[in-house]
Amino acid sequence: MRIAFTGGGTGGHFFPILAVAREIKRMAEEERILDLQLFYFGPQPFDPGLMQKEDILFVPIAAGKIRRYFSLWNITDIFKTALGILQAMANMFVVMPDVVFAKGGYGSFPTLLAARIYRVPVIIHESDARPGRVNRWAGKWAIRIAIAFEGAAEYFPQERTALTGTPIRKRILGGSQEEARESLGVFSDRPVIFIIGGSQGARVINETITQILPQLLEHYEIIHQVGDKNIEDLKLETASILEDTHIARREPGGPDDKGGGLAPYYHLLAFLNESQMRSAYFLSDLIISRAGATALAEIAAWGKPAIIIPIKNAAQDHQRENAYDYSRGGTAVIIEEDNLTPSVLWNEIQKLMADPERRARMAVSAKEFFRPDAAEIIAGEILKLGLH
């Protein structure tokens, strides 16, 4: 059996695909499916090394974006998309998968078009509350459509659509206090705030956090994931703050008493591997995050209270839709990007950290949002289609 995956190049698409691929391999082993082959059709994947470890063969397919604003790149990307369609047609003819699983996004369009032409069965997954253009197009003819938010159902045919939730990696769940502390070097008894910038980082969140970092580090231990593009700038911007020993709340026997400044309480990372991500979620008392669907699903899986800051002007305004759909049950506090200032963020953090009962209610609501069997359901449908 040959299964092809396709999607955009961000972690928000890559990690759910990875979760489904792992579940497919587990189920195939149980069902004694010995000839399983997995492929990834699309632009450069988010983590090529991890994909190789999972025995997923990368088939490069060019893809161009269609931007909603004037850009000369729109012209050049037309040719890139045309090239991608030719590549997808040729490679799919060679591979001829039994089924295609698509996460949507510009990176999946050439592969989905080739699957349509060759009449290869397609299952799509829509992570966002408001679907993107590629998935809305593919939803008109895909065999199965899985959605993560109830609100997305109105965009797809009811008889082929199922609310499954977003697949997440099981390896970011579980763990222990000792493992988590050792993994990230978190050794104080302070409450922990985990700030997630997403796979590409979040510049506006990083800048806001930097402005209130002295106040934060007086009270909390911070795990801050900033993205590869932002890590060096953040190191420079925070260096003087971390060296300041006068603004720290001194703790008996703690690093501040020994002149260590604030550095032991601030953990700056470009990207977290699965072990580090598991540890960060395990230790966190509060999470600050964008409203990417995968991030929200992971936060819900851990049952963590959160402050959500959706990206302003995201495609189809999907992050804002995600945030409000997710927070409907009281799972999170939303701060619109236009309203995001250092004082607003600091006040919201202080209010939540001073109210453990509210955070406990948010945690319960988050757990209710999570659908733990999403990857298993989708993997089962893919195998069922592939076997027929």
Protein backbone atom coordinates (compact mmCIF):
# COMPACT_ATOMS: atom_id res chain seq x y z
CA MET A 1 0.00 0.00 0.00
CA ARG A 2 1.27 3.45 -0.94
CA ILE A 3 0.10 6.55 0.91
CA ALA A 4 1.04 10.10 -0.07
CA PHE A 5 0.89 13.03 2.36
CA THR A 6 0.87 16.64 1.30
CA GLY A 7 0.58 20.06 2.93
CA GLY A 8 2.28 23.38 3.54
CA GLY A 9 5.78 23.67 4.92
CA THR A 10 5.00 24.89 8.45
CA GLY A 11 4.94 22.93 11.68
CA GLY A 12 1.17 23.41 11.83
CA HIS A 13 0.83 21.12 8.81
CA PHE A 14 3.86 18.91 9.34
CA PHE A 15 3.19 17.74 12.91
CA PRO A 16 -0.40 16.53 12.32
CA ILE A 17 0.83 14.65 9.23
CA LEU A 18 3.56 13.11 11.37
CA ALA A 19 1.00 12.10 14.02
CA VAL A 20 -1.21 10.42 11.40
CA ALA A 21 1.77 8.70 9.73
CA ARG A 22 2.86 7.19 13.06
CA GLU A 23 -0.65 5.94 13.73
CA ILE A 24 -0.87 4.44 10.23
CA LYS A 25 2.38 2.53 10.82
CA ARG A 26 1.14 1.25 14.17
CA MET A 27 -2.19 0.10 12.75
CA ALA A 28 -0.58 -1.41 9.65
CA GLU A 29 1.69 -3.48 11.86
CA GLU A 30 -1.30 -4.75 13.83
CA GLU A 31 -3.17 -5.59 10.62
CA ARG A 32 -0.09 -7.31 9.11
CA ILE A 33 0.10 -4.86 6.20
CA LEU A 34 3.68 -5.55 5.14
CA ASP A 35 4.02 -3.53 1.94
CA LEU A 36 3.32 -0.08 3.43
CA GLN A 37 5.16 2.83 1.78
CA LEU A 38 4.77 6.45 2.87
CA PHE A 39 5.56 9.50 0.75
CA TYR A 40 5.47 13.26 1.31
CA PHE A 41 4.69 15.33 -1.79
CA GLY A 42 5.30 19.05 -1.40
CA PRO A 43 7.79 21.84 -0.77
CA GLN A 44 10.64 21.33 1.68
CA PRO A 45 9.12 19.77 4.80
CA PHE A 46 9.40 21.48 8.16
CA ASP A 47 11.77 18.84 9.57
CA PRO A 48 13.38 16.72 6.82
CA GLY A 49 15.51 14.80 9.32
CA LEU A 50 12.54 13.73 11.41
CA MET A 51 10.62 12.71 8.31
CA GLN A 52 13.53 10.56 7.19
CA LYS A 53 13.66 8.90 10.62
CA GLU A 54 9.98 8.04 10.19
CA ASP A 55 10.71 6.34 6.81
CA ILE A 56 8.64 8.84 4.84
CA LEU A 57 10.13 9.43 1.39
CA PHE A 58 10.24 13.09 0.40
CA VAL A 59 9.12 13.86 -3.16
CA PRO A 60 9.90 17.55 -3.88
CA ILE A 61 7.04 19.45 -5.50
CA ALA A 62 7.33 23.18 -6.17
CA ALA A 63 4.43 25.37 -5.07
CA GLY A 64 3.73 29.09 -5.26
CA LYS A 65 1.63 31.23 -2.97
CA ILE A 66 -1.24 33.41 -4.10
CA ARG A 67 -1.04 36.50 -1.90
CA ARG A 68 -4.06 38.66 -1.18
CA TYR A 69 -2.05 41.82 -1.74
CA PHE A 70 -0.04 43.14 -4.68
CA SER A 71 3.37 41.55 -4.93
CA LEU A 72 5.69 40.75 -7.80
CA TRP A 73 6.12 37.35 -6.17
CA ASN A 74 2.55 36.56 -7.24
CA ILE A 75 3.76 36.64 -10.84
CA THR A 76 6.82 34.46 -10.32
CA ASP A 77 4.85 32.05 -8.14
CA ILE A 78 2.45 31.36 -11.03
CA PHE A 79 5.36 29.73 -12.84
CA LYS A 80 6.42 27.93 -9.66
CA THR A 81 2.93 26.48 -9.28
CA ALA A 82 2.90 25.42 -12.95
CA LEU A 83 6.21 23.64 -12.42
CA GLY A 84 4.81 21.99 -9.30
CA ILE A 85 1.80 20.68 -11.22
CA LEU A 86 4.09 19.09 -13.81
CA GLN A 87 6.25 17.58 -11.05
CA ALA A 88 3.21 16.27 -9.21
CA MET A 89 1.76 14.72 -12.36
CA ALA A 90 5.04 12.98 -13.21
CA ASN A 91 5.82 11.76 -9.69
CA MET A 92 2.31 10.62 -8.97
CA PHE A 93 2.31 8.61 -12.21
CA VAL A 94 5.46 6.85 -10.98
CA VAL A 95 4.35 6.34 -7.37
CA MET A 96 0.59 6.04 -8.02
CA PRO A 97 -0.48 6.09 -4.35
CA ASP A 98 -3.56 4.24 -3.19
CA VAL A 99 -4.71 7.30 -1.23
CA VAL A 100 -3.62 10.91 -0.63
CA PHE A 101 -3.95 12.63 2.74
CA ALA A 102 -3.81 16.43 2.46
CA LYS A 103 -3.55 19.13 5.10
CA GLY A 104 -4.31 21.92 2.66
CA GLY A 105 -2.32 25.09 2.09
CA TYR A 106 -0.60 26.29 -1.06
CA GLY A 107 1.95 23.46 -0.83
CA SER A 108 -0.73 20.81 -1.36
CA PHE A 109 -2.41 22.26 -4.46
CA PRO A 110 -0.24 20.64 -7.19
CA THR A 111 -0.48 17.21 -5.54
CA LEU A 112 -4.22 17.48 -5.01
CA LEU A 113 -4.73 18.51 -8.64
CA ALA A 114 -2.69 15.52 -9.81
CA ALA A 115 -4.70 13.22 -7.54
CA ARG A 116 -7.91 14.64 -9.00
CA ILE A 117 -6.73 14.01 -12.55
CA TYR A 118 -5.54 10.46 -11.79
CA ARG A 119 -8.67 9.77 -9.69
CA VAL A 120 -6.66 8.85 -6.60
CA PRO A 121 -8.88 8.86 -3.48
CA VAL A 122 -8.24 11.91 -1.27
CA ILE A 123 -8.85 12.59 2.41
CA ILE A 124 -8.36 16.16 3.60
CA HIS A 125 -8.01 17.54 7.09
CA GLU A 126 -8.93 21.13 7.90
CA SER A 127 -7.36 22.35 11.12
CA ASP A 128 -8.84 25.84 11.12
CA ALA A 129 -12.28 27.14 11.98
CA ARG A 130 -12.38 28.89 8.61
CA PRO A 131 -10.95 26.67 5.86
CA GLY A 132 -8.34 27.85 3.39
CA ARG A 133 -9.00 28.14 -0.32
CA VAL A 134 -7.25 24.91 -1.31
CA ASN A 135 -9.21 22.76 1.14
CA ARG A 136 -12.49 24.43 0.22
CA TRP A 137 -11.79 23.54 -3.40
CA ALA A 138 -10.68 19.98 -2.57
CA GLY A 139 -13.66 19.53 -0.26
CA LYS A 140 -15.98 19.59 -3.26
CA TRP A 141 -14.68 16.22 -4.43
CA ALA A 142 -12.59 14.63 -1.64
CA ILE A 143 -13.82 11.23 -0.43
CA ARG A 144 -13.55 12.17 3.26
CA ILE A 145 -13.18 15.52 5.05
CA ALA A 146 -11.97 15.75 8.64
CA ILE A 147 -12.37 19.01 10.59
CA ALA A 148 -11.03 20.27 13.91
CA PHE A 149 -13.63 22.99 14.65
CA GLU A 150 -17.40 22.65 14.45
CA GLY A 151 -17.62 25.96 12.61
CA ALA A 152 -15.74 24.56 9.61
CA ALA A 153 -18.56 22.11 8.84
CA GLU A 154 -20.62 24.73 7.01
CA TYR A 155 -17.97 24.92 4.26
CA PHE A 156 -18.10 21.21 3.35
CA PRO A 157 -20.70 18.59 2.30
CA GLN A 158 -22.26 17.23 5.48
CA GLU A 159 -22.38 13.60 4.36
CA ARG A 160 -18.58 13.44 3.83
CA THR A 161 -17.48 15.55 6.79
CA ALA A 162 -16.57 14.43 10.31
CA LEU A 163 -15.48 16.38 13.38
CA THR A 164 -12.29 14.58 14.42
CA GLY A 165 -10.18 17.25 16.09
CA THR A 166 -6.55 17.89 15.21
CA PRO A 167 -4.08 14.97 15.30
CA ILE A 168 -1.24 15.59 17.75
CA ARG A 169 1.97 13.69 18.41
CA LYS A 170 1.61 11.28 21.32
CA ARG A 171 5.29 11.78 22.13
CA ILE A 172 4.65 15.30 23.42
CA LEU A 173 2.33 13.89 26.11
CA GLY A 174 3.26 12.28 29.42
CA GLY A 175 6.65 12.64 31.07
CA SER A 176 7.65 13.28 34.66
CA GLN A 177 8.64 16.22 36.85
CA GLU A 178 12.25 15.05 37.07
CA GLU A 179 12.58 14.48 33.32
CA ALA A 180 10.99 17.84 32.52
CA ARG A 181 13.19 19.84 34.89
CA GLU A 182 16.37 18.14 33.66
CA SER A 183 15.40 18.57 30.00
CA LEU A 184 14.99 22.35 30.22
CA GLY A 185 17.07 23.26 33.27
CA VAL A 186 14.05 24.47 35.24
CA PHE A 187 14.94 24.06 38.92
CA SER A 188 13.23 26.85 40.90
CA ASP A 189 9.86 26.60 42.63
CA ARG A 190 8.48 29.56 40.72
CA PRO A 191 5.38 29.24 38.52
CA VAL A 192 6.32 28.55 34.90
CA ILE A 193 5.02 30.49 31.90
CA PHE A 194 5.53 28.86 28.49
CA ILE A 195 5.49 31.25 25.51
CA ILE A 196 5.00 29.61 22.10
CA GLY A 197 5.82 31.60 18.98
CA GLY A 198 5.04 28.79 16.54
CA SER A 199 7.42 27.19 14.05
CA GLN A 200 8.28 30.57 12.52
CA GLY A 201 8.28 32.57 15.74
CA ALA A 202 6.06 35.52 16.60
CA ARG A 203 7.89 38.83 16.42
CA VAL A 204 5.17 40.98 18.03
CA ILE A 205 4.85 38.59 20.98
CA ASN A 206 8.63 38.43 21.37
CA GLU A 207 8.91 42.22 21.41
CA THR A 208 6.11 42.56 23.97
CA ILE A 209 7.59 39.91 26.23
CA THR A 210 11.00 41.57 26.08
CA GLN A 211 9.51 44.83 27.37
CA ILE A 212 8.00 43.16 30.44
CA LEU A 213 10.72 40.57 30.94
CA PRO A 214 12.18 42.24 34.07
CA GLN A 215 8.78 42.11 35.81
CA LEU A 216 8.14 38.56 34.64
CA LEU A 217 11.48 37.31 35.91
CA GLU A 218 10.88 38.79 39.34
CA HIS A 219 8.05 36.30 39.83
CA TYR A 220 8.11 33.53 37.23
CA GLU A 221 10.31 31.12 35.34
CA ILE A 222 9.94 31.64 31.59
CA ILE A 223 10.28 29.13 28.72
CA HIS A 224 10.27 31.16 25.50
CA GLN A 225 10.22 29.56 22.05
CA VAL A 226 11.00 32.25 19.49
CA GLY A 227 11.77 30.64 16.10
CA ASP A 228 15.06 30.24 14.25
CA LYS A 229 14.88 33.67 12.62
CA ASN A 230 14.48 35.50 15.91
CA ILE A 231 16.79 33.70 18.31
CA GLU A 232 19.95 35.80 17.80
CA ASP A 233 18.08 39.12 18.04
CA LEU A 234 16.37 38.00 21.24
CA LYS A 235 19.67 36.92 22.78
CA LEU A 236 21.06 40.42 22.22
CA GLU A 237 17.90 42.18 23.41
CA THR A 238 17.62 40.19 26.63
CA ALA A 239 21.32 40.00 27.57
CA SER A 240 21.39 43.16 29.70
CA ILE A 241 18.14 42.22 31.45
CA LEU A 242 19.42 38.78 32.38
CA GLU A 243 22.63 40.20 33.83
CA ASP A 244 20.80 42.59 36.16
CA THR A 245 20.94 41.21 39.71
CA HIS A 246 19.09 44.12 41.33
CA ILE A 247 15.61 43.56 39.91
CA ALA A 248 15.41 39.91 40.84
CA ARG A 249 13.38 38.70 43.76
CA ARG A 250 16.07 37.04 45.80
CA GLU A 251 15.46 33.51 46.96
CA PRO A 252 17.40 31.83 49.80
CA GLY A 253 20.06 29.69 48.24
CA GLY A 254 18.90 30.58 44.72
CA PRO A 255 21.10 31.77 41.86
CA ASP A 256 20.30 35.42 42.57
CA ASP A 257 21.95 35.12 45.98
CA LYS A 258 25.09 33.99 44.21
CA GLY A 259 25.14 36.87 41.76
CA GLY A 260 23.77 34.79 38.90
CA GLY A 261 21.33 37.46 37.73
CA LEU A 262 18.06 36.46 36.09
CA ALA A 263 19.47 34.10 33.46
CA PRO A 264 18.58 30.89 35.38
CA TYR A 265 14.90 31.83 35.17
CA TYR A 266 14.80 32.49 31.41
CA HIS A 267 14.99 29.65 28.90
CA LEU A 268 15.25 30.99 25.35
CA LEU A 269 14.89 28.42 22.58
CA ALA A 270 14.51 28.70 18.81
CA PHE A 271 12.72 25.38 18.50
CA LEU A 272 11.73 22.61 20.90
CA ASN A 273 12.15 18.96 19.99
CA GLU A 274 9.50 16.51 21.13
CA SER A 275 11.17 15.82 24.48
CA GLN A 276 11.56 19.54 25.22
CA MET A 277 8.00 20.28 24.10
CA ARG A 278 6.66 17.57 26.39
CA SER A 279 8.70 18.99 29.26
CA ALA A 280 7.61 22.58 28.62
CA TYR A 281 3.94 21.62 28.62
CA PHE A 282 4.42 19.45 31.71
CA LEU A 283 5.96 22.28 33.75
CA SER A 284 3.83 25.20 32.55
CA ASP A 285 1.25 26.89 34.76
CA LEU A 286 0.22 29.27 31.98
CA ILE A 287 0.77 29.31 28.21
CA ILE A 288 0.95 32.31 25.90
CA SER A 289 0.48 31.34 22.27
CA ARG A 290 -0.64 32.21 18.79
CA ALA A 291 -3.91 30.64 17.63
CA GLY A 292 -2.54 28.05 15.24
CA ALA A 293 -4.80 24.99 15.27
CA THR A 294 -2.03 22.56 16.17
CA ALA A 295 -0.83 24.71 19.07
CA LEU A 296 -4.39 24.99 20.41
CA ALA A 297 -4.89 21.22 20.13
CA GLU A 298 -1.67 20.59 22.07
CA ILE A 299 -2.62 23.12 24.77
CA ALA A 300 -6.02 21.45 25.07
CA ALA A 301 -4.46 17.99 25.26
CA TRP A 302 -2.45 19.11 28.28
CA GLY A 303 -5.40 20.98 29.79
CA LYS A 304 -3.47 24.20 30.28
CA PRO A 305 -4.89 27.72 30.81
CA ALA A 306 -3.76 30.06 28.07
CA ILE A 307 -3.56 33.59 26.75
CA ILE A 308 -4.13 33.45 22.99
CA ILE A 309 -2.90 36.18 20.64
CA PRO A 310 -4.15 35.48 17.09
CA ILE A 311 -2.15 36.73 14.12
CA LYS A 312 -3.60 39.90 12.69
CA ASN A 313 -4.60 39.62 9.01
CA ALA A 314 -3.88 35.89 8.73
CA ALA A 315 -5.26 34.23 5.59
CA GLN A 316 -9.07 34.00 5.82
CA ASP A 317 -8.61 35.51 9.31
CA HIS A 318 -8.36 31.88 10.41
CA GLN A 319 -6.36 32.47 13.60
CA ARG A 320 -8.93 34.89 14.97
CA GLU A 321 -11.70 32.42 14.13
CA ASN A 322 -9.70 29.62 15.80
CA ALA A 323 -9.13 31.68 18.93
CA TYR A 324 -12.76 32.61 19.48
CA ASP A 325 -14.04 29.14 18.65
CA TYR A 326 -11.51 27.59 21.03
CA SER A 327 -12.18 30.04 23.88
CA ARG A 328 -15.96 29.72 23.68
CA GLY A 329 -15.99 27.34 26.64
CA GLY A 330 -13.77 29.55 28.79
CA THR A 331 -10.54 27.80 27.83
CA ALA A 332 -8.47 30.92 27.19
CA VAL A 333 -8.13 34.68 27.37
CA ILE A 334 -7.85 36.34 23.95
CA ILE A 335 -5.82 39.48 23.33
CA GLU A 336 -6.26 40.92 19.84
CA GLU A 337 -2.97 41.99 18.26
CA ASP A 338 -4.22 45.58 17.94
CA ASN A 339 -4.76 45.62 21.71
CA LEU A 340 -1.48 43.93 22.60
CA THR A 341 0.69 46.23 24.71
CA PRO A 342 3.19 45.36 27.45
CA SER A 343 0.83 46.64 30.15
CA VAL A 344 -2.20 44.74 28.80
CA LEU A 345 -0.28 41.48 28.61
CA TRP A 346 1.30 41.97 32.04
CA ASN A 347 -2.08 42.72 33.64
CA GLU A 348 -3.70 39.63 32.09
CA ILE A 349 -0.82 37.44 33.27
CA GLN A 350 -1.06 38.86 36.78
CA LYS A 351 -4.82 38.40 36.95
CA LEU A 352 -4.65 34.78 35.84
CA MET A 353 -1.70 33.85 38.03
CA ALA A 354 -3.45 35.38 41.05
CA ASP A 355 -6.59 33.31 40.42
CA PRO A 356 -5.82 29.56 40.60
CA GLU A 357 -9.53 28.69 40.65
CA ARG A 358 -10.07 30.40 37.30
CA ARG A 359 -7.04 28.64 35.83
CA ALA A 360 -8.41 25.32 37.07
CA ARG A 361 -11.73 26.00 35.30
CA MET A 362 -9.88 26.93 32.12
CA ALA A 363 -7.92 23.67 32.33
CA VAL A 364 -11.14 21.62 32.59
CA SER A 365 -12.64 23.43 29.58
CA ALA A 366 -9.47 22.86 27.56
CA LYS A 367 -9.56 19.13 28.26
CA GLU A 368 -13.17 19.01 27.07
CA PHE A 369 -12.13 20.57 23.75
CA PHE A 370 -9.42 17.96 23.10
CA ARG A 371 -10.23 14.92 20.95
CA PRO A 372 -7.57 12.30 21.75
CA ASP A 373 -8.46 9.85 18.97
CA ALA A 374 -8.11 12.24 16.00
CA ALA A 375 -4.98 10.62 14.55
CA GLU A 376 -6.39 7.11 15.02
CA ILE A 377 -9.70 7.95 13.31
CA ILE A 378 -8.00 9.58 10.33
CA ALA A 379 -5.40 6.82 10.01
CA GLY A 380 -8.17 4.21 10.05
CA GLU A 381 -10.02 5.96 7.21
CA ILE A 382 -6.83 6.26 5.17
CA LEU A 383 -6.06 2.55 5.53
CA LYS A 384 -9.66 1.63 4.75
CA LEU A 385 -9.57 3.63 1.52
CA GLY A 386 -6.14 2.29 0.63
CA LEU A 387 -7.27 -1.33 0.98
CA HIS A 388 -10.25 -0.93 -1.35
